[in-house]
Amino acid sequence: MNHTLSLKEFVKPGPNIFRDVGLPEKQNQNWFRPMKSVHSNLDDMHINCFTGLLKRKIEASPELFKTRIGILPTYFFAQCKVIWKRDYVNTKKTFVEDEWICTDDLTCFVLEGQLTWCKAWWDYDILLIPCSVCSSHWVLCELNLYTYKIEIYDSLLEGNVKNKQLQWIPYIKSLISFLPGILHAGGYYERHISNPKSVEVNAVKPYLIPQQHDT
């Protein structure tokens, strides 16, 4: 896709739009209006559109990034939530990491393919995971694949960041709980020098977004 296209030209139908940036092939101008107002809620397709374009930029200019960054579509976290609710919330069962068996519904995201938007996870240092919490609010989780730490970037965090950041942990519990099993089932540990361990969640400053320190 030509990166110099205007917004009007971009929203025209195209055979590769859905695959490449998460947009349906046909969208009218009204679809873009929520992005103009801070009071509007963005849906998953808006988020996928933005992250898809960001992915294109990263892949088009790899020389600008010393850190290998992968971006997952919104439906990765959505799938985690669906499985968590079905198997643990609705049944009131306790999650036991050693007993959980990851299925293809999630391991498929570890491998390279059209569904995942990404290369295989072992080709990255960091994964950016957009997460919908409280139905209409979006946060960005940055997973460091070397330290197994997640940093949550949230525009609403103010004051005591560490304490307020913890409010989102219950909402991303599925992601935190499933990640070690997903990595193991997807063959990540077989190709990576790191040892399996639990995921740690870190506090971050409000309005701070991931970026290269040397560019």
N, C-alpha and C. Protein backbone atom coordinates (compact mmCIF):
# COMPACT_ATOMS: atom_id res chain seq x y z
N MET A 1 0.84 -1.19 0.00
CA MET A 1 0.00 0.00 0.00
C MET A 1 0.87 1.24 0.00
N ASN A 2 0.49 2.25 -0.75
CA ASN A 2 1.21 3.50 -0.82
C ASN A 2 0.95 4.30 0.45
N HIS A 3 2.00 4.60 1.22
CA HIS A 3 1.83 5.28 2.50
C HIS A 3 1.47 6.76 2.34
N THR A 4 1.49 7.28 1.09
CA THR A 4 1.16 8.69 0.87
C THR A 4 -0.32 8.86 0.52
N LEU A 5 -1.09 7.80 0.53
CA LEU A 5 -2.51 7.91 0.21
C LEU A 5 -3.23 8.81 1.21
N SER A 6 -4.19 9.58 0.71
CA SER A 6 -5.02 10.39 1.59
C SER A 6 -6.03 9.50 2.29
N LEU A 7 -6.67 10.04 3.33
CA LEU A 7 -7.69 9.28 4.05
C LEU A 7 -8.81 8.87 3.10
N LYS A 8 -9.22 9.78 2.23
CA LYS A 8 -10.30 9.48 1.29
C LYS A 8 -9.93 8.33 0.38
N GLU A 9 -8.68 8.34 -0.09
CA GLU A 9 -8.23 7.26 -0.97
C GLU A 9 -8.07 5.95 -0.21
N PHE A 10 -7.63 6.06 1.03
CA PHE A 10 -7.36 4.86 1.82
C PHE A 10 -8.61 4.04 2.08
N VAL A 11 -9.75 4.70 2.30
CA VAL A 11 -10.96 3.97 2.66
C VAL A 11 -11.66 3.34 1.46
N LYS A 12 -11.12 3.55 0.26
CA LYS A 12 -11.71 2.89 -0.89
C LYS A 12 -11.50 1.38 -0.80
N PRO A 13 -12.41 0.60 -1.36
CA PRO A 13 -12.28 -0.86 -1.30
C PRO A 13 -10.96 -1.32 -1.91
N GLY A 14 -10.39 -2.35 -1.34
CA GLY A 14 -9.16 -2.93 -1.86
C GLY A 14 -9.04 -4.37 -1.41
N PRO A 15 -8.49 -5.24 -2.22
CA PRO A 15 -8.47 -6.67 -1.90
C PRO A 15 -7.62 -7.03 -0.69
N ASN A 16 -6.66 -6.19 -0.32
CA ASN A 16 -5.75 -6.55 0.75
C ASN A 16 -5.99 -5.77 2.04
N ILE A 17 -7.00 -4.91 2.07
CA ILE A 17 -7.18 -4.03 3.22
C ILE A 17 -7.46 -4.82 4.49
N PHE A 18 -8.38 -5.75 4.46
CA PHE A 18 -8.72 -6.49 5.68
C PHE A 18 -7.53 -7.30 6.17
N ARG A 19 -6.82 -7.94 5.27
CA ARG A 19 -5.71 -8.80 5.67
C ARG A 19 -4.56 -7.98 6.26
N ASP A 20 -4.32 -6.80 5.69
CA ASP A 20 -3.12 -6.07 6.05
C ASP A 20 -3.29 -5.11 7.22
N VAL A 21 -4.44 -4.49 7.35
CA VAL A 21 -4.60 -3.51 8.42
C VAL A 21 -5.83 -3.73 9.28
N GLY A 22 -6.52 -4.84 9.08
CA GLY A 22 -7.66 -5.14 9.93
C GLY A 22 -8.94 -4.43 9.54
N LEU A 23 -8.94 -3.74 8.41
CA LEU A 23 -10.15 -3.03 7.97
C LEU A 23 -10.98 -3.90 7.04
N PRO A 24 -12.30 -3.87 7.19
CA PRO A 24 -13.13 -4.51 6.15
C PRO A 24 -12.85 -3.84 4.81
N GLU A 25 -13.19 -4.50 3.75
CA GLU A 25 -12.85 -3.96 2.43
C GLU A 25 -13.61 -2.68 2.12
N LYS A 26 -14.79 -2.52 2.72
CA LYS A 26 -15.59 -1.34 2.43
C LYS A 26 -15.94 -0.61 3.72
N GLN A 27 -15.54 0.64 3.80
CA GLN A 27 -15.90 1.48 4.95
C GLN A 27 -16.19 2.88 4.44
N ASN A 28 -17.23 3.50 4.99
CA ASN A 28 -17.50 4.88 4.60
C ASN A 28 -16.82 5.84 5.57
N GLN A 29 -16.92 7.10 5.27
CA GLN A 29 -16.22 8.12 6.07
C GLN A 29 -16.70 8.13 7.52
N ASN A 30 -17.96 7.77 7.75
CA ASN A 30 -18.50 7.81 9.11
C ASN A 30 -17.74 6.90 10.07
N TRP A 31 -17.16 5.86 9.53
CA TRP A 31 -16.44 4.91 10.38
C TRP A 31 -15.25 5.58 11.07
N PHE A 32 -14.69 6.62 10.45
CA PHE A 32 -13.50 7.27 10.99
C PHE A 32 -13.83 8.40 11.96
N ARG A 33 -15.10 8.80 12.04
CA ARG A 33 -15.46 9.94 12.87
C ARG A 33 -15.16 9.76 14.36
N PRO A 34 -15.37 8.57 14.95
CA PRO A 34 -15.07 8.42 16.39
C PRO A 34 -13.63 8.75 16.75
N MET A 35 -12.72 8.63 15.80
CA MET A 35 -11.32 8.92 16.10
C MET A 35 -11.04 10.41 16.25
N LYS A 36 -12.01 11.24 15.89
CA LYS A 36 -11.83 12.68 15.99
C LYS A 36 -12.22 13.23 17.35
N SER A 37 -12.91 12.44 18.16
CA SER A 37 -13.42 12.91 19.44
C SER A 37 -12.86 12.08 20.59
N VAL A 38 -12.40 12.76 21.64
CA VAL A 38 -11.87 12.05 22.80
C VAL A 38 -12.98 11.39 23.60
N HIS A 39 -14.23 11.76 23.32
CA HIS A 39 -15.36 11.22 24.07
C HIS A 39 -15.97 9.99 23.39
N SER A 40 -15.47 9.64 22.23
CA SER A 40 -16.02 8.50 21.51
C SER A 40 -15.27 7.22 21.88
N ASN A 41 -15.98 6.11 21.85
CA ASN A 41 -15.36 4.82 22.11
C ASN A 41 -14.92 4.19 20.80
N LEU A 42 -13.69 3.71 20.78
CA LEU A 42 -13.17 3.04 19.60
C LEU A 42 -13.44 1.55 19.71
N ASP A 43 -13.85 0.93 18.61
CA ASP A 43 -14.05 -0.51 18.66
C ASP A 43 -12.78 -1.22 18.21
N ASP A 44 -12.83 -2.55 18.19
CA ASP A 44 -11.62 -3.31 17.90
C ASP A 44 -11.12 -3.08 16.49
N MET A 45 -12.00 -2.78 15.55
CA MET A 45 -11.55 -2.55 14.19
C MET A 45 -10.79 -1.24 14.05
N HIS A 46 -11.16 -0.23 14.84
CA HIS A 46 -10.38 1.01 14.86
C HIS A 46 -8.97 0.73 15.38
N ILE A 47 -8.89 -0.03 16.46
CA ILE A 47 -7.59 -0.34 17.04
C ILE A 47 -6.75 -1.16 16.08
N ASN A 48 -7.37 -2.14 15.44
CA ASN A 48 -6.64 -2.98 14.48
C ASN A 48 -6.16 -2.18 13.28
N CYS A 49 -6.93 -1.20 12.88
CA CYS A 49 -6.51 -0.34 11.77
C CYS A 49 -5.23 0.40 12.13
N PHE A 50 -5.22 1.01 13.32
CA PHE A 50 -4.05 1.77 13.74
C PHE A 50 -2.83 0.87 13.93
N THR A 51 -3.01 -0.23 14.66
CA THR A 51 -1.87 -1.11 14.93
C THR A 51 -1.38 -1.78 13.65
N GLY A 52 -2.31 -2.03 12.72
CA GLY A 52 -1.90 -2.60 11.44
C GLY A 52 -1.01 -1.65 10.66
N LEU A 53 -1.35 -0.37 10.67
CA LEU A 53 -0.52 0.62 9.99
C LEU A 53 0.81 0.80 10.70
N LEU A 54 0.79 0.73 12.03
CA LEU A 54 2.04 0.82 12.79
C LEU A 54 2.94 -0.36 12.46
N LYS A 55 2.36 -1.54 12.33
CA LYS A 55 3.11 -2.73 11.95
C LYS A 55 3.77 -2.53 10.59
N ARG A 56 3.02 -1.96 9.65
CA ARG A 56 3.58 -1.70 8.32
C ARG A 56 4.79 -0.77 8.41
N LYS A 57 4.68 0.26 9.25
CA LYS A 57 5.78 1.21 9.39
C LYS A 57 7.02 0.53 9.95
N ILE A 58 6.83 -0.30 10.95
CA ILE A 58 7.96 -1.01 11.55
C ILE A 58 8.63 -1.92 10.53
N GLU A 59 7.82 -2.64 9.76
CA GLU A 59 8.37 -3.58 8.79
C GLU A 59 9.01 -2.86 7.60
N ALA A 60 8.51 -1.66 7.28
CA ALA A 60 9.05 -0.91 6.15
C ALA A 60 10.37 -0.24 6.48
N SER A 61 10.62 0.02 7.78
CA SER A 61 11.85 0.72 8.19
C SER A 61 12.53 -0.02 9.33
N PRO A 62 12.95 -1.27 9.11
CA PRO A 62 13.55 -2.05 10.20
C PRO A 62 14.85 -1.44 10.72
N GLU A 63 15.50 -0.64 9.90
CA GLU A 63 16.77 -0.04 10.33
C GLU A 63 16.58 0.97 11.45
N LEU A 64 15.36 1.44 11.67
CA LEU A 64 15.09 2.41 12.73
C LEU A 64 14.88 1.75 14.08
N PHE A 65 14.75 0.45 14.09
CA PHE A 65 14.38 -0.25 15.32
C PHE A 65 15.41 -1.32 15.65
N LYS A 66 16.15 -1.10 16.73
CA LYS A 66 17.08 -2.12 17.20
C LYS A 66 16.35 -3.21 17.97
N THR A 67 15.20 -2.86 18.53
CA THR A 67 14.37 -3.84 19.22
C THR A 67 13.38 -4.43 18.22
N ARG A 68 13.27 -5.73 18.22
CA ARG A 68 12.34 -6.41 17.30
C ARG A 68 10.95 -6.42 17.93
N ILE A 69 10.02 -5.70 17.30
CA ILE A 69 8.70 -5.48 17.88
C ILE A 69 7.63 -6.17 17.05
N GLY A 70 6.79 -6.95 17.72
CA GLY A 70 5.64 -7.56 17.09
C GLY A 70 4.36 -6.97 17.66
N ILE A 71 3.33 -6.86 16.84
CA ILE A 71 2.05 -6.30 17.28
C ILE A 71 0.96 -7.32 17.01
N LEU A 72 0.22 -7.65 18.06
CA LEU A 72 -0.85 -8.63 17.92
C LEU A 72 -2.19 -7.95 17.64
N PRO A 73 -3.09 -8.60 16.93
CA PRO A 73 -4.42 -8.05 16.72
C PRO A 73 -5.25 -8.13 17.99
N THR A 74 -6.31 -7.38 18.04
CA THR A 74 -7.14 -7.33 19.25
C THR A 74 -7.77 -8.67 19.58
N TYR A 75 -7.98 -9.52 18.58
CA TYR A 75 -8.69 -10.76 18.86
C TYR A 75 -7.83 -11.80 19.57
N PHE A 76 -6.53 -11.53 19.76
CA PHE A 76 -5.74 -12.43 20.61
C PHE A 76 -6.20 -12.32 22.06
N PHE A 77 -6.24 -11.08 22.57
CA PHE A 77 -6.69 -10.89 23.95
C PHE A 77 -8.17 -11.24 24.09
N ALA A 78 -8.96 -10.93 23.06
CA ALA A 78 -10.38 -11.28 23.10
C ALA A 78 -10.57 -12.78 23.25
N GLN A 79 -9.73 -13.56 22.56
CA GLN A 79 -9.83 -15.02 22.66
C GLN A 79 -9.42 -15.49 24.05
N CYS A 80 -8.41 -14.85 24.64
CA CYS A 80 -8.02 -15.18 26.02
C CYS A 80 -9.19 -14.96 26.97
N LYS A 81 -9.89 -13.84 26.80
CA LYS A 81 -11.02 -13.53 27.69
C LYS A 81 -12.15 -14.53 27.53
N VAL A 82 -12.43 -14.92 26.29
CA VAL A 82 -13.51 -15.87 26.03
C VAL A 82 -13.23 -17.20 26.72
N ILE A 83 -12.01 -17.70 26.58
CA ILE A 83 -11.65 -18.99 27.18
C ILE A 83 -11.65 -18.89 28.70
N TRP A 84 -11.14 -17.78 29.23
CA TRP A 84 -11.10 -17.59 30.69
C TRP A 84 -12.51 -17.57 31.28
N LYS A 85 -13.39 -16.83 30.62
CA LYS A 85 -14.77 -16.75 31.13
C LYS A 85 -15.46 -18.10 31.04
N ARG A 86 -15.27 -18.79 29.93
CA ARG A 86 -15.93 -20.08 29.73
C ARG A 86 -15.45 -21.14 30.71
N ASP A 87 -14.13 -21.22 30.91
CA ASP A 87 -13.56 -22.33 31.68
C ASP A 87 -13.38 -22.03 33.17
N TYR A 88 -13.33 -20.73 33.54
CA TYR A 88 -13.03 -20.42 34.94
C TYR A 88 -14.05 -19.51 35.61
N VAL A 89 -14.48 -18.47 34.94
CA VAL A 89 -15.46 -17.58 35.55
C VAL A 89 -16.82 -18.27 35.66
N ASN A 90 -17.29 -18.80 34.56
CA ASN A 90 -18.61 -19.44 34.56
C ASN A 90 -18.66 -20.71 35.40
N THR A 91 -17.56 -21.45 35.43
CA THR A 91 -17.53 -22.71 36.18
C THR A 91 -17.04 -22.54 37.60
N LYS A 92 -16.49 -21.33 37.91
CA LYS A 92 -15.93 -21.02 39.23
C LYS A 92 -14.78 -21.96 39.61
N LYS A 93 -14.10 -22.46 38.59
CA LYS A 93 -12.92 -23.29 38.84
C LYS A 93 -11.70 -22.41 39.09
N THR A 94 -10.73 -22.95 39.81
CA THR A 94 -9.48 -22.25 40.07
C THR A 94 -8.46 -22.61 38.99
N PHE A 95 -7.82 -21.59 38.44
CA PHE A 95 -6.82 -21.84 37.40
C PHE A 95 -5.55 -22.39 38.03
N VAL A 96 -5.06 -23.50 37.50
CA VAL A 96 -3.79 -24.10 37.93
C VAL A 96 -2.89 -24.18 36.71
N GLU A 97 -1.82 -23.41 36.72
CA GLU A 97 -0.98 -23.29 35.53
C GLU A 97 -0.45 -24.63 35.03
N ASP A 98 0.00 -25.48 35.94
CA ASP A 98 0.60 -26.76 35.54
C ASP A 98 -0.43 -27.73 34.95
N GLU A 99 -1.71 -27.48 35.22
CA GLU A 99 -2.75 -28.39 34.73
C GLU A 99 -3.44 -27.88 33.47
N TRP A 100 -3.20 -26.62 33.13
CA TRP A 100 -3.89 -26.03 31.99
C TRP A 100 -3.28 -26.51 30.68
N ILE A 101 -4.13 -26.88 29.74
CA ILE A 101 -3.69 -27.34 28.43
C ILE A 101 -4.11 -26.30 27.39
N CYS A 102 -3.13 -25.71 26.75
CA CYS A 102 -3.40 -24.68 25.75
C CYS A 102 -3.84 -25.34 24.44
N THR A 103 -4.86 -24.79 23.82
CA THR A 103 -5.39 -25.34 22.58
C THR A 103 -4.93 -24.51 21.38
N ASP A 104 -5.27 -24.99 20.19
CA ASP A 104 -4.87 -24.30 18.97
C ASP A 104 -5.49 -22.92 18.85
N ASP A 105 -6.57 -22.67 19.61
CA ASP A 105 -7.20 -21.35 19.57
C ASP A 105 -6.22 -20.25 19.96
N LEU A 106 -5.23 -20.60 20.78
CA LEU A 106 -4.25 -19.61 21.24
C LEU A 106 -2.84 -19.88 20.70
N THR A 107 -2.46 -21.15 20.56
CA THR A 107 -1.10 -21.43 20.07
C THR A 107 -0.92 -20.94 18.64
N CYS A 108 -2.01 -20.82 17.88
CA CYS A 108 -1.88 -20.36 16.50
C CYS A 108 -1.30 -18.96 16.43
N PHE A 109 -1.46 -18.17 17.50
CA PHE A 109 -0.93 -16.81 17.50
C PHE A 109 0.58 -16.78 17.67
N VAL A 110 1.17 -17.85 18.19
CA VAL A 110 2.62 -17.89 18.39
C VAL A 110 3.34 -18.07 17.06
N LEU A 111 2.69 -18.73 16.14
CA LEU A 111 3.32 -19.09 14.88
C LEU A 111 3.07 -18.03 13.82
N GLU A 112 3.93 -18.00 12.83
CA GLU A 112 3.79 -17.03 11.75
C GLU A 112 2.59 -17.37 10.88
N GLY A 113 1.82 -16.36 10.52
CA GLY A 113 0.68 -16.61 9.66
C GLY A 113 -0.19 -15.39 9.49
N GLN A 114 -1.14 -15.46 8.57
CA GLN A 114 -2.01 -14.32 8.27
C GLN A 114 -2.87 -13.95 9.46
N LEU A 115 -3.35 -14.96 10.21
CA LEU A 115 -4.23 -14.69 11.34
C LEU A 115 -3.53 -13.86 12.40
N THR A 116 -2.25 -14.10 12.61
CA THR A 116 -1.54 -13.47 13.72
C THR A 116 -0.95 -12.12 13.38
N TRP A 117 -0.86 -11.78 12.11
CA TRP A 117 -0.21 -10.56 11.62
C TRP A 117 1.29 -10.61 11.78
N CYS A 118 1.82 -11.52 12.56
CA CYS A 118 3.22 -11.48 13.00
C CYS A 118 4.04 -12.60 12.40
N LYS A 119 5.34 -12.45 12.58
CA LYS A 119 6.23 -13.59 12.41
C LYS A 119 6.05 -14.46 13.65
N ALA A 120 6.79 -15.56 13.71
CA ALA A 120 6.73 -16.37 14.92
C ALA A 120 7.28 -15.56 16.10
N TRP A 121 6.76 -15.80 17.30
CA TRP A 121 7.12 -14.98 18.46
C TRP A 121 8.60 -15.02 18.78
N TRP A 122 9.29 -16.11 18.45
CA TRP A 122 10.72 -16.16 18.78
C TRP A 122 11.55 -15.24 17.89
N ASP A 123 10.92 -14.60 16.92
CA ASP A 123 11.62 -13.62 16.09
C ASP A 123 11.48 -12.20 16.64
N TYR A 124 10.89 -12.07 17.84
CA TYR A 124 10.68 -10.75 18.43
C TYR A 124 11.30 -10.66 19.82
N ASP A 125 11.55 -9.42 20.23
CA ASP A 125 11.99 -9.13 21.60
C ASP A 125 10.81 -8.66 22.45
N ILE A 126 9.89 -7.95 21.81
CA ILE A 126 8.75 -7.34 22.50
C ILE A 126 7.49 -7.58 21.69
N LEU A 127 6.40 -7.85 22.40
CA LEU A 127 5.09 -7.94 21.76
C LEU A 127 4.18 -6.85 22.33
N LEU A 128 3.50 -6.13 21.47
CA LEU A 128 2.51 -5.15 21.89
C LEU A 128 1.13 -5.78 21.74
N ILE A 129 0.37 -5.77 22.85
CA ILE A 129 -0.92 -6.46 22.88
C ILE A 129 -2.02 -5.48 23.28
N PRO A 130 -2.85 -5.02 22.35
CA PRO A 130 -3.97 -4.15 22.72
C PRO A 130 -5.04 -4.95 23.45
N CYS A 131 -5.51 -4.39 24.57
CA CYS A 131 -6.47 -5.11 25.42
C CYS A 131 -7.67 -4.23 25.74
N SER A 132 -8.84 -4.76 25.55
CA SER A 132 -10.07 -4.06 25.90
C SER A 132 -10.47 -4.44 27.32
N VAL A 133 -10.55 -3.45 28.20
CA VAL A 133 -10.94 -3.69 29.59
C VAL A 133 -12.18 -2.85 29.90
N CYS A 134 -13.02 -3.34 30.77
CA CYS A 134 -14.25 -2.62 31.13
C CYS A 134 -15.10 -2.29 29.90
N SER A 135 -15.12 -3.18 28.95
CA SER A 135 -15.97 -3.11 27.75
C SER A 135 -15.53 -2.07 26.73
N SER A 136 -15.28 -0.82 27.16
CA SER A 136 -15.05 0.23 26.18
C SER A 136 -13.72 0.95 26.33
N HIS A 137 -12.88 0.51 27.26
CA HIS A 137 -11.60 1.18 27.49
C HIS A 137 -10.46 0.30 26.99
N TRP A 138 -9.49 0.93 26.32
CA TRP A 138 -8.36 0.20 25.77
C TRP A 138 -7.08 0.54 26.51
N VAL A 139 -6.29 -0.48 26.81
CA VAL A 139 -4.94 -0.29 27.33
C VAL A 139 -4.00 -1.08 26.43
N LEU A 140 -2.73 -0.72 26.47
CA LEU A 140 -1.73 -1.42 25.68
C LEU A 140 -0.78 -2.16 26.62
N CYS A 141 -0.68 -3.46 26.44
CA CYS A 141 0.25 -4.27 27.22
C CYS A 141 1.50 -4.53 26.40
N GLU A 142 2.64 -4.21 26.97
CA GLU A 142 3.92 -4.47 26.32
C GLU A 142 4.56 -5.66 27.01
N LEU A 143 4.69 -6.77 26.30
CA LEU A 143 5.30 -7.99 26.85
C LEU A 143 6.74 -8.10 26.40
N ASN A 144 7.66 -8.08 27.37
CA ASN A 144 9.07 -8.30 27.08
C ASN A 144 9.32 -9.80 27.10
N LEU A 145 9.68 -10.36 25.97
CA LEU A 145 9.82 -11.81 25.85
C LEU A 145 11.11 -12.34 26.47
N TYR A 146 11.98 -11.44 26.94
CA TYR A 146 13.20 -11.87 27.62
C TYR A 146 13.04 -11.86 29.13
N THR A 147 12.31 -10.87 29.63
CA THR A 147 12.13 -10.77 31.08
C THR A 147 10.77 -11.30 31.54
N TYR A 148 9.86 -11.53 30.59
CA TYR A 148 8.49 -11.96 30.89
C TYR A 148 7.77 -10.96 31.79
N LYS A 149 8.03 -9.69 31.54
CA LYS A 149 7.35 -8.62 32.26
C LYS A 149 6.38 -7.91 31.32
N ILE A 150 5.23 -7.57 31.88
CA ILE A 150 4.23 -6.80 31.13
C ILE A 150 4.14 -5.40 31.72
N GLU A 151 4.20 -4.40 30.86
CA GLU A 151 3.96 -3.03 31.28
C GLU A 151 2.64 -2.58 30.65
N ILE A 152 1.79 -2.00 31.47
CA ILE A 152 0.48 -1.56 31.00
C ILE A 152 0.52 -0.06 30.75
N TYR A 153 0.22 0.34 29.53
CA TYR A 153 0.16 1.76 29.18
C TYR A 153 -1.31 2.16 29.11
N ASP A 154 -1.66 3.13 29.95
CA ASP A 154 -3.07 3.51 30.09
C ASP A 154 -3.18 5.02 30.20
N SER A 155 -3.94 5.63 29.32
CA SER A 155 -4.08 7.09 29.30
C SER A 155 -4.84 7.63 30.50
N LEU A 156 -5.53 6.78 31.25
CA LEU A 156 -6.33 7.25 32.38
C LEU A 156 -5.60 7.20 33.71
N LEU A 157 -4.40 6.67 33.73
CA LEU A 157 -3.68 6.57 34.99
C LEU A 157 -3.21 7.94 35.46
N GLU A 158 -3.48 8.24 36.72
CA GLU A 158 -3.06 9.49 37.32
C GLU A 158 -2.67 9.24 38.76
N GLY A 159 -1.96 10.20 39.35
CA GLY A 159 -1.62 10.09 40.77
C GLY A 159 -0.67 8.94 41.03
N ASN A 160 -1.03 8.09 41.99
CA ASN A 160 -0.20 6.94 42.36
C ASN A 160 -0.33 5.88 41.27
N VAL A 161 0.59 5.92 40.33
CA VAL A 161 0.49 5.06 39.16
C VAL A 161 0.51 3.59 39.53
N LYS A 162 1.39 3.21 40.45
CA LYS A 162 1.53 1.80 40.79
C LYS A 162 0.23 1.23 41.35
N ASN A 163 -0.40 1.96 42.27
CA ASN A 163 -1.63 1.46 42.87
C ASN A 163 -2.78 1.43 41.87
N LYS A 164 -2.90 2.49 41.07
CA LYS A 164 -4.02 2.55 40.13
C LYS A 164 -3.82 1.60 38.96
N GLN A 165 -2.56 1.34 38.63
CA GLN A 165 -2.30 0.39 37.56
C GLN A 165 -2.77 -0.99 37.93
N LEU A 166 -2.73 -1.30 39.23
CA LEU A 166 -3.12 -2.63 39.68
C LEU A 166 -4.60 -2.92 39.42
N GLN A 167 -5.40 -1.87 39.22
CA GLN A 167 -6.83 -2.09 39.00
C GLN A 167 -7.09 -2.88 37.73
N TRP A 168 -6.14 -2.84 36.78
CA TRP A 168 -6.37 -3.54 35.53
C TRP A 168 -5.95 -5.00 35.58
N ILE A 169 -5.21 -5.40 36.60
CA ILE A 169 -4.73 -6.78 36.66
C ILE A 169 -5.87 -7.79 36.61
N PRO A 170 -6.97 -7.61 37.36
CA PRO A 170 -8.06 -8.58 37.23
C PRO A 170 -8.63 -8.68 35.82
N TYR A 171 -8.57 -7.58 35.07
CA TYR A 171 -9.13 -7.57 33.73
C TYR A 171 -8.22 -8.25 32.71
N ILE A 172 -6.92 -8.32 33.00
CA ILE A 172 -6.00 -9.02 32.10
C ILE A 172 -5.49 -10.31 32.73
N LYS A 173 -6.23 -10.80 33.72
CA LYS A 173 -5.80 -12.02 34.41
C LYS A 173 -5.69 -13.19 33.45
N SER A 174 -6.57 -13.24 32.47
CA SER A 174 -6.50 -14.32 31.49
C SER A 174 -5.18 -14.29 30.74
N LEU A 175 -4.75 -13.11 30.34
CA LEU A 175 -3.49 -12.96 29.61
C LEU A 175 -2.31 -13.36 30.49
N ILE A 176 -2.28 -12.85 31.71
CA ILE A 176 -1.19 -13.16 32.64
C ILE A 176 -1.12 -14.65 32.92
N SER A 177 -2.26 -15.27 33.11
CA SER A 177 -2.31 -16.69 33.46
C SER A 177 -1.95 -17.60 32.29
N PHE A 178 -2.42 -17.24 31.10
CA PHE A 178 -2.26 -18.13 29.96
C PHE A 178 -0.90 -18.03 29.27
N LEU A 179 -0.22 -16.89 29.37
CA LEU A 179 0.98 -16.67 28.56
C LEU A 179 2.04 -17.76 28.70
N PRO A 180 2.43 -18.19 29.92
CA PRO A 180 3.44 -19.25 30.01
C PRO A 180 3.03 -20.51 29.25
N GLY A 181 1.77 -20.91 29.38
CA GLY A 181 1.28 -22.10 28.69
C GLY A 181 1.22 -21.91 27.18
N ILE A 182 0.85 -20.70 26.75
CA ILE A 182 0.81 -20.42 25.31
C ILE A 182 2.20 -20.51 24.71
N LEU A 183 3.18 -19.92 25.40
CA LEU A 183 4.56 -19.96 24.92
C LEU A 183 5.09 -21.39 24.85
N HIS A 184 4.76 -22.17 25.86
CA HIS A 184 5.23 -23.56 25.89
C HIS A 184 4.58 -24.38 24.78
N ALA A 185 3.26 -24.28 24.66
CA ALA A 185 2.54 -25.08 23.66
C ALA A 185 2.90 -24.66 22.24
N GLY A 186 3.24 -23.40 22.05
CA GLY A 186 3.60 -22.91 20.72
C GLY A 186 5.03 -23.19 20.32
N GLY A 187 5.80 -23.82 21.21
CA GLY A 187 7.18 -24.17 20.89
C GLY A 187 8.17 -23.04 21.09
N TYR A 188 7.75 -22.00 21.81
CA TYR A 188 8.63 -20.85 21.99
C TYR A 188 9.88 -21.20 22.78
N TYR A 189 9.71 -21.93 23.88
CA TYR A 189 10.83 -22.24 24.75
C TYR A 189 11.85 -23.15 24.08
N GLU A 190 11.44 -23.89 23.07
CA GLU A 190 12.37 -24.77 22.37
C GLU A 190 13.34 -23.99 21.49
N ARG A 191 13.00 -22.75 21.19
CA ARG A 191 13.82 -21.92 20.29
C ARG A 191 14.39 -20.70 20.98
N HIS A 192 14.22 -20.62 22.28
CA HIS A 192 14.61 -19.42 23.02
C HIS A 192 15.43 -19.83 24.23
N ILE A 193 16.44 -19.02 24.57
CA ILE A 193 17.34 -19.39 25.66
C ILE A 193 16.72 -19.16 27.03
N SER A 194 15.61 -18.43 27.09
CA SER A 194 14.99 -18.14 28.38
C SER A 194 14.32 -19.38 28.95
N ASN A 195 14.24 -19.43 30.27
CA ASN A 195 13.53 -20.51 30.95
C ASN A 195 12.10 -20.09 31.22
N PRO A 196 11.15 -21.02 31.18
CA PRO A 196 9.75 -20.68 31.48
C PRO A 196 9.59 -20.12 32.88
N LYS A 197 8.80 -19.06 33.01
CA LYS A 197 8.50 -18.52 34.33
C LYS A 197 7.23 -17.68 34.24
N SER A 198 6.70 -17.35 35.41
CA SER A 198 5.46 -16.59 35.46
C SER A 198 5.66 -15.17 34.95
N VAL A 199 4.58 -14.58 34.50
CA VAL A 199 4.62 -13.22 33.97
C VAL A 199 4.44 -12.22 35.10
N GLU A 200 5.25 -11.17 35.08
CA GLU A 200 5.17 -10.11 36.09
C GLU A 200 4.61 -8.85 35.45
N VAL A 201 3.76 -8.14 36.18
CA VAL A 201 3.15 -6.91 35.68
C VAL A 201 3.79 -5.71 36.36
N ASN A 202 4.24 -4.75 35.58
CA ASN A 202 4.89 -3.56 36.11
C ASN A 202 4.00 -2.33 35.96
N ALA A 203 4.22 -1.38 36.85
CA ALA A 203 3.54 -0.09 36.74
C ALA A 203 4.28 0.80 35.76
N VAL A 204 3.56 1.67 35.08
CA VAL A 204 4.17 2.61 34.15
C VAL A 204 3.57 3.99 34.38
N LYS A 205 4.24 4.99 33.86
CA LYS A 205 3.75 6.35 34.01
C LYS A 205 2.60 6.60 33.03
N PRO A 206 1.65 7.46 33.41
CA PRO A 206 0.54 7.76 32.49
C PRO A 206 1.04 8.49 31.25
N TYR A 207 0.36 8.23 30.15
CA TYR A 207 0.64 8.87 28.86
C TYR A 207 2.01 8.52 28.29
N LEU A 208 2.70 7.57 28.88
CA LEU A 208 3.99 7.15 28.35
C LEU A 208 3.76 5.99 27.40
N ILE A 209 4.26 6.11 26.19
CA ILE A 209 4.07 5.04 25.22
C ILE A 209 5.41 4.41 24.88
N PRO A 210 5.42 3.14 24.47
CA PRO A 210 6.69 2.49 24.12
C PRO A 210 7.33 3.18 22.93
N GLN A 211 8.64 3.39 23.01
CA GLN A 211 9.34 3.99 21.90
C GLN A 211 10.81 3.65 21.99
N GLN A 212 11.51 3.83 20.87
CA GLN A 212 12.95 3.58 20.86
C GLN A 212 13.66 4.68 21.65
N HIS A 213 14.65 4.29 22.44
CA HIS A 213 15.40 5.27 23.21
C HIS A 213 16.52 5.90 22.38
N ASP A 214 16.83 5.30 21.25
CA ASP A 214 17.99 5.75 20.48
C ASP A 214 17.60 6.28 19.11
N THR A 215 16.33 6.62 18.92
CA THR A 215 15.94 7.15 17.62
C THR A 215 15.18 8.46 17.81
